Amino acid sequence: MRVSKADGSQILDLQRDALLKEGVLPGQLYEDFASGKNDDRQGLAACLKALREGDTLVVWKLDRLGRNLRHLVNTVYDLSGKGIGFKVLAGQGAQIDTTTFQGKLVFGIFAALAEFERDLISERTIAGLASARARGRNGGAPYKMTPAKLRLAMASMGRRETKVGDLCKELGVTRQTLYRHIAPDGVLREDGEKLLKKP
C-alpha cells in the first residue's frame, strides 16, 4: 500500500480493504507514505525482502508499486526470476496476474511497451547529441575539472602536507577525477595535458 503524503490528508483504508478482501493476511501488509518516484521506500523494500518462492505480491493499483513503466517491468521481472507472482487488483493493469497465462500475456505487452519506450529515449538522445555536435556543442555534463583547478592541484599535489581529500573537496572533484588528470607527485597525466591544451 502507498500514499504520497504522510500528513493524514491521504489514507490507506481503500487499499487495505481491497487487499484484505483478496485474502492478504493483516501481518503481510506493507505500507509507504512516500512518492512513487522515491527509490528508497522502506515499506516496499521490506515487502520485497519478505517475499519467497511461491508467494504473490499483490497491489491495489499498478502505480502503487512503481515510479514508471520501466521500474515496474524490472521489479516484476526480478520477482518472476525468483518464482514470485505479481497481481494488480484495480485500475490500469488490473488484468495483470503473472500466476495465470492471461496475466503473463498482458505483462508481456507492458514489458514490450517499456522496451519500446527505452529505445525511443535512446534514439532521441543520440539524435540530440548529434544535432548539438553539428552546432559545435558537446553533450553531457560539463567537466568538473577546469584548467584553473588543475593548475591549483599541480601546485598542491607536490607538497607533502597536502591532504588529497581536502584538496578534492576544495576543488569540487572526486579522487578519481583528480588522479585521472594528475599523479600523486603533481605530474600531469594524459587527461591533464589534454585539458591544458584546450583553447
Protein backbone atom coordinates (compact mmCIF):
# COMPACT_ATOMS: atom_id res chain seq x y z
CA MET A 1 0.00 0.00 0.00
CA ARG A 2 1.23 3.51 -0.71
CA VAL A 3 0.06 7.10 -0.47
CA SER A 4 2.21 10.10 -1.31
CA LYS A 5 1.66 12.17 1.83
CA ALA A 6 2.17 11.32 5.50
CA ASP A 7 0.24 14.34 6.81
CA GLY A 8 -3.03 12.45 7.21
CA SER A 9 -4.66 14.01 4.12
CA GLN A 10 -4.40 10.67 2.32
CA ILE A 11 -5.35 7.37 3.92
CA LEU A 12 -4.73 3.73 3.13
CA ASP A 13 -8.19 2.39 4.06
CA LEU A 14 -9.39 1.76 0.49
CA GLN A 15 -6.21 -0.13 -0.42
CA ARG A 16 -6.17 -2.06 2.86
CA ASP A 17 -9.79 -3.16 2.45
CA ALA A 18 -9.16 -4.35 -1.11
CA LEU A 19 -6.05 -6.32 -0.14
CA LEU A 20 -7.72 -7.94 2.87
CA LYS A 21 -10.71 -8.88 0.72
CA GLU A 22 -8.30 -10.52 -1.74
CA GLY A 23 -7.04 -12.72 1.10
CA VAL A 24 -3.84 -10.94 2.09
CA LEU A 25 -3.22 -11.52 5.81
CA PRO A 26 -3.04 -8.38 8.02
CA GLY A 27 0.51 -9.26 9.10
CA GLN A 28 1.61 -9.34 5.46
CA LEU A 29 0.50 -5.80 4.60
CA TYR A 30 3.27 -3.27 3.93
CA GLU A 31 2.80 0.48 3.64
CA ASP A 32 4.67 3.56 2.44
CA PHE A 33 3.91 7.23 2.89
CA ALA A 34 6.11 8.48 0.06
CA SER A 35 6.05 9.48 -3.58
CA GLY A 36 6.26 6.61 -6.04
CA LYS A 37 9.28 8.42 -7.52
CA ASN A 38 11.35 7.71 -4.41
CA ASP A 39 13.81 4.84 -4.73
CA ASP A 40 14.25 4.28 -1.01
CA ARG A 41 10.77 3.30 0.13
CA GLN A 42 11.14 1.33 3.35
CA GLY A 43 7.80 -0.45 3.14
CA LEU A 44 8.44 -1.66 -0.41
CA ALA A 45 11.99 -2.74 0.46
CA ALA A 46 10.72 -4.72 3.48
CA CYS A 47 7.96 -6.30 1.38
CA LEU A 48 10.32 -7.39 -1.41
CA LYS A 49 12.75 -8.78 1.16
CA ALA A 50 9.99 -10.85 2.83
CA LEU A 51 8.77 -12.47 -0.41
CA ARG A 52 9.70 -16.09 -1.02
CA GLU A 53 9.33 -18.50 -3.94
CA GLY A 54 5.66 -19.35 -4.45
CA ASP A 55 4.44 -16.04 -2.93
CA THR A 56 2.47 -13.42 -4.88
CA LEU A 57 2.95 -9.68 -4.48
CA VAL A 58 -0.50 -8.05 -4.58
CA VAL A 59 -1.03 -4.32 -5.15
CA TRP A 60 -4.27 -2.35 -5.31
CA LYS A 61 -3.25 -0.41 -8.44
CA LEU A 62 -0.20 -0.63 -10.65
CA ASP A 63 1.06 2.86 -9.73
CA ARG A 64 1.22 1.86 -6.05
CA LEU A 65 4.29 -0.24 -6.86
CA GLY A 66 6.48 1.76 -9.18
CA ARG A 67 7.75 5.09 -10.41
CA ASN A 68 7.40 4.37 -14.12
CA LEU A 69 6.75 1.55 -16.55
CA ARG A 70 10.41 0.58 -16.77
CA HIS A 71 10.76 0.34 -12.99
CA LEU A 72 7.59 -1.76 -12.80
CA VAL A 73 8.76 -4.14 -15.52
CA ASN A 74 12.21 -4.57 -13.94
CA THR A 75 10.70 -5.21 -10.50
CA VAL A 76 8.26 -7.81 -11.81
CA TYR A 77 10.99 -9.50 -13.89
CA ASP A 78 13.12 -9.76 -10.74
CA LEU A 79 10.19 -11.30 -8.89
CA SER A 80 9.48 -13.76 -11.71
CA GLY A 81 13.09 -14.88 -11.66
CA LYS A 82 12.65 -15.82 -8.00
CA GLY A 83 9.40 -17.70 -8.64
CA ILE A 84 7.25 -14.91 -7.16
CA GLY A 85 3.95 -13.87 -8.76
CA PHE A 86 2.53 -10.36 -9.17
CA LYS A 87 -1.12 -9.33 -9.17
CA VAL A 88 -2.93 -5.99 -9.66
CA LEU A 89 -6.45 -5.65 -8.29
CA ALA A 90 -7.86 -2.46 -9.87
CA GLY A 91 -7.33 0.35 -12.37
CA GLN A 92 -4.98 0.25 -15.35
CA GLY A 93 -3.28 -3.12 -15.44
CA ALA A 94 -5.95 -4.92 -13.40
CA GLN A 95 -5.61 -7.83 -15.84
CA ILE A 96 -2.04 -8.44 -14.68
CA ASP A 97 -1.68 -11.62 -12.67
CA THR A 98 1.58 -13.36 -13.53
CA THR A 99 0.38 -16.55 -11.85
CA THR A 100 -2.01 -17.04 -14.81
CA PHE A 101 -1.32 -17.46 -18.52
CA GLN A 102 -3.51 -14.46 -19.50
CA GLY A 103 -1.84 -12.27 -16.87
CA LYS A 104 1.60 -13.21 -18.16
CA LEU A 105 0.48 -12.25 -21.67
CA VAL A 106 -0.73 -8.81 -20.50
CA PHE A 107 2.50 -8.26 -18.59
CA GLY A 108 4.45 -9.24 -21.72
CA ILE A 109 2.68 -6.41 -23.58
CA PHE A 110 3.65 -3.98 -20.79
CA ALA A 111 7.24 -5.21 -20.99
CA ALA A 112 7.28 -4.68 -24.76
CA LEU A 113 5.99 -1.12 -24.27
CA ALA A 114 8.73 -0.44 -21.72
CA GLU A 115 11.34 -1.74 -24.18
CA PHE A 116 9.85 0.47 -26.90
CA GLU A 117 9.95 3.49 -24.56
CA ARG A 118 13.61 2.78 -23.71
CA ASP A 119 14.53 2.54 -27.41
CA LEU A 120 12.73 5.82 -28.18
CA ILE A 121 14.55 7.64 -25.38
CA SER A 122 17.89 6.25 -26.55
CA GLU A 123 17.13 7.22 -30.16
CA ARG A 124 16.15 10.78 -29.15
CA THR A 125 19.28 11.16 -27.01
CA ILE A 126 21.60 10.04 -29.81
CA ALA A 127 19.85 12.37 -32.31
CA GLY A 128 20.03 15.28 -29.85
CA LEU A 129 23.76 14.78 -29.23
CA ALA A 130 24.46 14.54 -32.98
CA SER A 131 22.50 17.75 -33.55
CA ALA A 132 24.39 19.53 -30.75
CA ARG A 133 27.77 18.40 -32.10
CA ALA A 134 26.83 19.66 -35.58
CA ARG A 135 26.35 23.09 -33.98
CA GLY A 136 29.69 22.91 -32.18
CA ARG A 137 28.34 21.91 -28.76
CA ASN A 138 29.24 18.76 -26.89
CA GLY A 139 26.52 16.95 -24.98
CA GLY A 140 26.77 15.58 -21.47
CA ALA A 141 27.56 17.12 -18.13
CA PRO A 142 30.18 19.88 -18.03
CA TYR A 143 33.67 18.85 -16.94
CA LYS A 144 34.28 19.21 -13.21
CA MET A 145 37.99 19.70 -13.70
CA THR A 146 38.97 23.03 -15.26
CA PRO A 147 42.42 24.34 -16.26
CA ALA A 148 42.41 26.69 -13.24
CA LYS A 149 41.57 23.85 -10.83
CA LEU A 150 44.19 21.65 -12.48
CA ARG A 151 46.94 24.26 -12.02
CA LEU A 152 45.98 24.60 -8.35
CA ALA A 153 46.07 20.81 -7.99
CA MET A 154 49.53 20.66 -9.65
CA ALA A 155 50.89 23.18 -7.17
CA SER A 156 49.31 21.39 -4.21
CA MET A 157 49.98 17.75 -5.06
CA GLY A 158 53.75 18.13 -4.95
CA ARG A 159 53.60 19.22 -1.28
CA ARG A 160 53.89 16.57 1.40
CA GLU A 161 51.40 18.30 3.73
CA THR A 162 48.59 18.26 1.13
CA LYS A 163 45.65 16.07 2.11
CA VAL A 164 44.06 14.71 -1.06
CA GLY A 165 40.57 14.51 0.48
CA ASP A 166 40.68 18.18 1.48
CA LEU A 167 42.02 19.19 -1.92
CA CYS A 168 39.23 17.29 -3.71
CA LYS A 169 36.63 18.96 -1.52
CA GLU A 170 38.11 22.39 -2.22
CA LEU A 171 38.21 21.76 -5.98
CA GLY A 172 34.77 20.11 -6.06
CA VAL A 173 36.05 16.95 -7.78
CA THR A 174 36.30 13.28 -6.85
CA ARG A 175 39.60 11.50 -6.17
CA GLN A 176 39.06 9.53 -9.37
CA THR A 177 38.77 12.76 -11.39
CA LEU A 178 41.84 14.25 -9.68
CA TYR A 179 44.03 11.19 -10.25
CA ARG A 180 42.83 10.88 -13.84
CA HIS A 181 44.39 14.29 -14.53
CA ILE A 182 47.37 14.35 -12.22
CA ALA A 183 49.69 11.88 -10.50
CA PRO A 184 50.23 11.90 -6.70
CA ASP A 185 53.60 13.64 -7.19
CA GLY A 186 51.96 16.52 -9.12
CA VAL A 187 52.99 15.35 -12.59
CA LEU A 188 50.37 15.79 -15.30
CA ARG A 189 48.75 12.71 -16.78
CA GLU A 190 47.41 12.42 -20.34
CA ASP A 191 43.95 13.81 -19.48
CA GLY A 192 45.55 16.72 -17.66
CA GLU A 193 47.77 17.56 -20.61
CA LYS A 194 44.77 17.47 -22.97
CA LEU A 195 42.81 19.78 -20.67
CA LEU A 196 45.58 22.40 -20.53
CA LYS A 197 45.97 22.29 -24.32
CA LYS A 198 42.31 23.07 -24.90
CA PRO A 199 41.68 26.61 -26.22
